């Protein structure tokens, strides 16, 4: 399956596809970055890339990939650890 905006033809729409569009901007030669096939790589093809950004070719349908940020996991882990420490300190001071 092809994904609109997949200018490097690797099955997903990401930064690599943007670089191909950027390097081909203004070109009127045959280019995979001519997303609307109008014979020139221009802002309309960038709009196609934007619309497809984050999508990849699935078995039968396009799906959006959402990857949680590692920083979010770190912040949650730190908050849980801090909460546990506070509880331990409170329970230790109340038993004295």
N, C-alpha and C. Protein backbone atom coordinates (compact mmCIF):
# COMPACT_ATOMS: atom_id res chain seq x y z
N UNK A 1 0.84 -1.18 0.00
CA UNK A 1 0.00 0.00 0.00
C UNK A 1 0.88 1.24 0.00
N UNK A 2 0.47 2.23 -0.76
CA UNK A 2 1.18 3.50 -0.79
C UNK A 2 0.52 4.48 0.15
N UNK A 3 1.32 5.34 0.74
CA UNK A 3 0.83 6.36 1.65
C UNK A 3 1.11 7.72 1.02
N UNK A 4 0.10 8.59 0.94
CA UNK A 4 0.31 9.93 0.40
C UNK A 4 1.34 10.66 1.24
N UNK A 5 2.36 11.20 0.60
CA UNK A 5 3.43 11.91 1.30
C UNK A 5 4.65 11.05 1.57
N UNK A 6 4.57 9.75 1.22
CA UNK A 6 5.71 8.84 1.41
C UNK A 6 6.65 8.96 0.21
N UNK A 7 7.46 10.01 0.22
CA UNK A 7 8.29 10.34 -0.94
C UNK A 7 9.54 9.48 -1.06
N UNK A 8 9.92 8.76 0.01
CA UNK A 8 11.06 7.84 -0.12
C UNK A 8 10.59 6.40 -0.28
N UNK A 9 9.27 6.21 -0.35
CA UNK A 9 8.66 4.91 -0.64
C UNK A 9 9.06 3.81 0.33
N UNK A 10 9.20 4.17 1.63
CA UNK A 10 9.56 3.16 2.63
C UNK A 10 8.37 2.74 3.49
N UNK A 11 7.17 3.19 3.13
CA UNK A 11 5.98 2.73 3.82
C UNK A 11 5.49 3.62 4.94
N UNK A 12 6.18 4.73 5.20
CA UNK A 12 5.71 5.66 6.22
C UNK A 12 5.98 7.09 5.78
N UNK A 13 5.33 8.02 6.44
CA UNK A 13 5.52 9.44 6.14
C UNK A 13 6.20 10.07 7.34
N UNK A 14 7.46 10.49 7.14
CA UNK A 14 8.25 11.01 8.25
C UNK A 14 9.20 12.10 7.77
N UNK A 15 10.18 12.42 8.59
CA UNK A 15 11.14 13.47 8.27
C UNK A 15 11.97 13.20 7.04
N UNK A 16 12.24 11.95 6.76
CA UNK A 16 13.00 11.60 5.56
C UNK A 16 12.26 12.02 4.31
N UNK A 17 10.95 11.86 4.33
CA UNK A 17 10.13 12.28 3.19
C UNK A 17 10.14 13.80 3.04
N UNK A 18 10.12 14.49 4.17
CA UNK A 18 10.21 15.96 4.12
C UNK A 18 11.52 16.39 3.48
N UNK A 19 12.63 15.75 3.84
CA UNK A 19 13.92 16.12 3.25
C UNK A 19 13.93 15.91 1.74
N UNK A 20 13.30 14.84 1.28
CA UNK A 20 13.22 14.61 -0.16
C UNK A 20 12.41 15.73 -0.81
N UNK A 21 11.29 16.10 -0.19
CA UNK A 21 10.49 17.21 -0.72
C UNK A 21 11.32 18.48 -0.75
N UNK A 22 12.01 18.78 0.36
CA UNK A 22 12.79 20.01 0.47
C UNK A 22 13.89 20.08 -0.58
N UNK A 23 14.57 18.97 -0.79
CA UNK A 23 15.67 18.93 -1.77
C UNK A 23 15.16 18.99 -3.21
N UNK A 24 13.89 18.63 -3.39
CA UNK A 24 13.32 18.62 -4.75
C UNK A 24 12.47 19.85 -5.03
N UNK A 25 12.29 20.72 -4.05
CA UNK A 25 11.42 21.89 -4.19
C UNK A 25 11.77 22.68 -5.45
N UNK A 26 10.75 22.95 -6.24
CA UNK A 26 10.94 23.71 -7.48
C UNK A 26 11.28 22.86 -8.69
N UNK A 27 11.57 21.61 -8.47
CA UNK A 27 11.95 20.72 -9.56
C UNK A 27 10.75 20.42 -10.46
N UNK A 28 11.02 20.38 -11.77
CA UNK A 28 9.97 19.99 -12.70
C UNK A 28 10.33 18.68 -13.39
N UNK A 29 11.39 18.04 -12.90
CA UNK A 29 11.72 16.71 -13.42
C UNK A 29 10.92 15.67 -12.63
N UNK A 30 10.87 14.47 -13.12
CA UNK A 30 10.13 13.42 -12.42
C UNK A 30 10.74 13.22 -11.04
N UNK A 31 9.89 13.34 -10.02
CA UNK A 31 10.35 13.23 -8.64
C UNK A 31 9.29 12.54 -7.80
N UNK A 32 9.71 11.67 -6.88
CA UNK A 32 8.73 11.06 -5.98
C UNK A 32 8.09 12.10 -5.05
N UNK A 33 8.71 13.27 -4.91
CA UNK A 33 8.18 14.31 -4.05
C UNK A 33 7.08 15.13 -4.72
N UNK A 34 6.76 14.81 -5.97
CA UNK A 34 5.63 15.45 -6.66
C UNK A 34 4.37 14.67 -6.30
N UNK A 35 3.89 14.89 -5.09
CA UNK A 35 2.79 14.10 -4.54
C UNK A 35 1.50 14.18 -5.31
N UNK A 36 1.20 15.32 -5.91
CA UNK A 36 -0.04 15.44 -6.67
C UNK A 36 0.16 15.22 -8.17
N UNK A 37 1.37 14.89 -8.56
CA UNK A 37 1.71 14.54 -9.94
C UNK A 37 1.32 15.63 -10.94
N UNK A 38 1.55 16.91 -10.55
CA UNK A 38 1.25 18.00 -11.46
C UNK A 38 2.48 18.48 -12.23
N UNK A 39 3.60 17.78 -12.06
CA UNK A 39 4.81 18.09 -12.83
C UNK A 39 5.77 19.05 -12.16
N UNK A 40 5.46 19.49 -10.95
CA UNK A 40 6.37 20.38 -10.23
C UNK A 40 6.26 20.09 -8.73
N UNK A 41 7.41 20.11 -8.07
CA UNK A 41 7.44 19.92 -6.62
C UNK A 41 7.26 21.29 -5.98
N UNK A 42 6.14 21.45 -5.24
CA UNK A 42 5.83 22.75 -4.68
C UNK A 42 5.12 22.61 -3.33
N UNK A 43 4.55 23.72 -2.87
CA UNK A 43 3.89 23.76 -1.57
C UNK A 43 2.70 22.80 -1.49
N UNK A 44 2.05 22.54 -2.63
CA UNK A 44 0.93 21.60 -2.64
C UNK A 44 1.41 20.20 -2.24
N UNK A 45 2.62 19.85 -2.66
CA UNK A 45 3.18 18.55 -2.30
C UNK A 45 3.58 18.51 -0.82
N UNK A 46 3.98 19.66 -0.27
CA UNK A 46 4.25 19.76 1.16
C UNK A 46 2.96 19.53 1.95
N UNK A 47 1.85 20.08 1.46
CA UNK A 47 0.56 19.89 2.12
C UNK A 47 0.19 18.40 2.14
N UNK A 48 0.49 17.69 1.07
CA UNK A 48 0.23 16.25 1.01
C UNK A 48 1.08 15.54 2.05
N UNK A 49 2.36 15.94 2.17
CA UNK A 49 3.24 15.34 3.18
C UNK A 49 2.69 15.61 4.58
N UNK A 50 2.28 16.85 4.84
CA UNK A 50 1.74 17.20 6.16
C UNK A 50 0.53 16.35 6.52
N UNK A 51 -0.35 16.17 5.55
CA UNK A 51 -1.57 15.39 5.80
C UNK A 51 -1.24 13.93 6.12
N UNK A 52 -0.19 13.41 5.50
CA UNK A 52 0.18 12.01 5.73
C UNK A 52 1.16 11.79 6.86
N UNK A 53 1.72 12.87 7.42
CA UNK A 53 2.77 12.73 8.43
C UNK A 53 2.33 11.84 9.57
N UNK A 54 3.17 10.86 9.91
CA UNK A 54 2.90 9.95 11.02
C UNK A 54 2.15 8.70 10.60
N UNK A 55 1.75 8.61 9.35
CA UNK A 55 1.02 7.43 8.89
C UNK A 55 1.98 6.45 8.24
N UNK A 56 1.57 5.20 8.20
CA UNK A 56 2.35 4.19 7.52
C UNK A 56 1.41 3.23 6.81
N UNK A 57 1.97 2.50 5.86
CA UNK A 57 1.16 1.55 5.10
C UNK A 57 0.97 0.29 5.93
N UNK A 58 -0.26 0.00 6.27
CA UNK A 58 -0.59 -1.22 7.00
C UNK A 58 -0.95 -2.30 6.00
N UNK A 59 -1.44 -3.41 6.50
CA UNK A 59 -1.85 -4.51 5.62
C UNK A 59 -2.98 -4.09 4.69
N UNK A 60 -4.00 -3.42 5.25
CA UNK A 60 -5.12 -3.05 4.41
C UNK A 60 -5.58 -1.62 4.61
N UNK A 61 -5.10 -0.96 5.65
CA UNK A 61 -5.54 0.41 5.93
C UNK A 61 -4.39 1.23 6.47
N UNK A 62 -4.54 2.54 6.38
CA UNK A 62 -3.54 3.44 6.94
C UNK A 62 -3.81 3.61 8.42
N UNK A 63 -2.74 3.56 9.20
CA UNK A 63 -2.86 3.74 10.64
C UNK A 63 -1.89 4.82 11.07
N UNK A 64 -2.24 5.53 12.10
CA UNK A 64 -1.38 6.56 12.64
C UNK A 64 -0.57 5.96 13.78
N UNK A 65 0.71 6.26 13.78
CA UNK A 65 1.59 5.74 14.82
C UNK A 65 1.80 6.84 15.86
N UNK A 66 1.50 6.52 17.09
CA UNK A 66 1.74 7.46 18.17
C UNK A 66 2.64 6.79 19.19
N UNK A 67 3.81 7.38 19.38
CA UNK A 67 4.79 6.84 20.31
C UNK A 67 4.89 7.79 21.49
N UNK A 68 4.67 7.29 22.70
CA UNK A 68 4.78 8.17 23.87
C UNK A 68 6.21 8.65 24.04
N UNK A 69 6.32 9.86 24.56
CA UNK A 69 7.65 10.42 24.77
C UNK A 69 8.29 9.80 26.00
N UNK A 70 9.58 9.45 25.90
CA UNK A 70 10.29 8.87 27.05
C UNK A 70 10.28 9.80 28.26
N UNK A 71 10.31 11.10 28.03
CA UNK A 71 10.31 12.05 29.13
C UNK A 71 9.05 11.91 29.97
N UNK A 72 7.93 11.64 29.33
CA UNK A 72 6.68 11.46 30.06
C UNK A 72 6.76 10.30 31.04
N UNK A 73 7.34 9.19 30.59
CA UNK A 73 7.51 8.03 31.46
C UNK A 73 8.42 8.37 32.63
N UNK A 74 9.48 9.11 32.37
CA UNK A 74 10.44 9.49 33.40
C UNK A 74 9.78 10.36 34.46
N UNK A 75 8.99 11.33 34.01
CA UNK A 75 8.32 12.23 34.96
C UNK A 75 7.36 11.45 35.85
N UNK A 76 6.58 10.56 35.27
CA UNK A 76 5.63 9.75 36.04
C UNK A 76 6.39 8.89 37.05
N UNK A 77 7.48 8.26 36.63
CA UNK A 77 8.26 7.41 37.53
C UNK A 77 8.83 8.23 38.69
N UNK A 78 9.32 9.42 38.40
CA UNK A 78 9.87 10.28 39.46
C UNK A 78 8.78 10.72 40.44
N UNK A 79 7.61 11.05 39.93
CA UNK A 79 6.52 11.45 40.81
C UNK A 79 6.08 10.30 41.71
N UNK A 80 6.00 9.12 41.16
CA UNK A 80 5.64 7.95 41.97
C UNK A 80 6.69 7.65 43.04
N UNK A 81 7.96 7.78 42.65
CA UNK A 81 9.04 7.55 43.61
C UNK A 81 9.00 8.60 44.72
N UNK A 82 8.78 9.85 44.36
CA UNK A 82 8.73 10.92 45.37
C UNK A 82 7.55 10.71 46.31
N UNK A 83 6.42 10.30 45.76
CA UNK A 83 5.24 10.03 46.58
C UNK A 83 5.52 8.90 47.57
N UNK A 84 6.21 7.86 47.12
CA UNK A 84 6.55 6.73 48.00
C UNK A 84 7.49 7.16 49.11
N UNK A 85 8.46 7.98 48.81
CA UNK A 85 9.42 8.46 49.80
C UNK A 85 8.71 9.30 50.86
N UNK A 86 7.81 10.18 50.40
CA UNK A 86 7.06 11.02 51.35
C UNK A 86 6.22 10.15 52.27
N UNK A 87 5.58 9.14 51.74
CA UNK A 87 4.76 8.25 52.57
C UNK A 87 5.61 7.49 53.59
N UNK A 88 6.78 7.03 53.17
CA UNK A 88 7.67 6.32 54.08
C UNK A 88 8.14 7.23 55.21
N UNK A 89 8.51 8.48 54.84
CA UNK A 89 8.97 9.43 55.85
C UNK A 89 7.85 9.77 56.83
N UNK A 90 6.63 9.94 56.33
CA UNK A 90 5.50 10.28 57.21
C UNK A 90 5.18 9.13 58.14
N UNK A 91 5.21 7.92 57.63
CA UNK A 91 4.90 6.78 58.50
C UNK A 91 6.02 6.54 59.52
N UNK A 92 7.26 6.87 59.17
CA UNK A 92 8.37 6.72 60.12
C UNK A 92 8.34 7.76 61.21
N UNK A 93 7.91 9.00 60.88
CA UNK A 93 7.86 10.06 61.90
C UNK A 93 6.66 9.91 62.80
N UNK A 94 5.60 9.27 62.36
CA UNK A 94 4.42 9.11 63.22
C UNK A 94 4.60 7.96 64.22
N UNK A 95 5.56 7.08 63.98
CA UNK A 95 5.77 5.96 64.89
C UNK A 95 6.78 6.31 65.99
N UNK A 96 7.31 7.48 65.97
CA UNK A 96 8.30 7.88 66.98
C UNK A 96 7.69 8.42 68.20
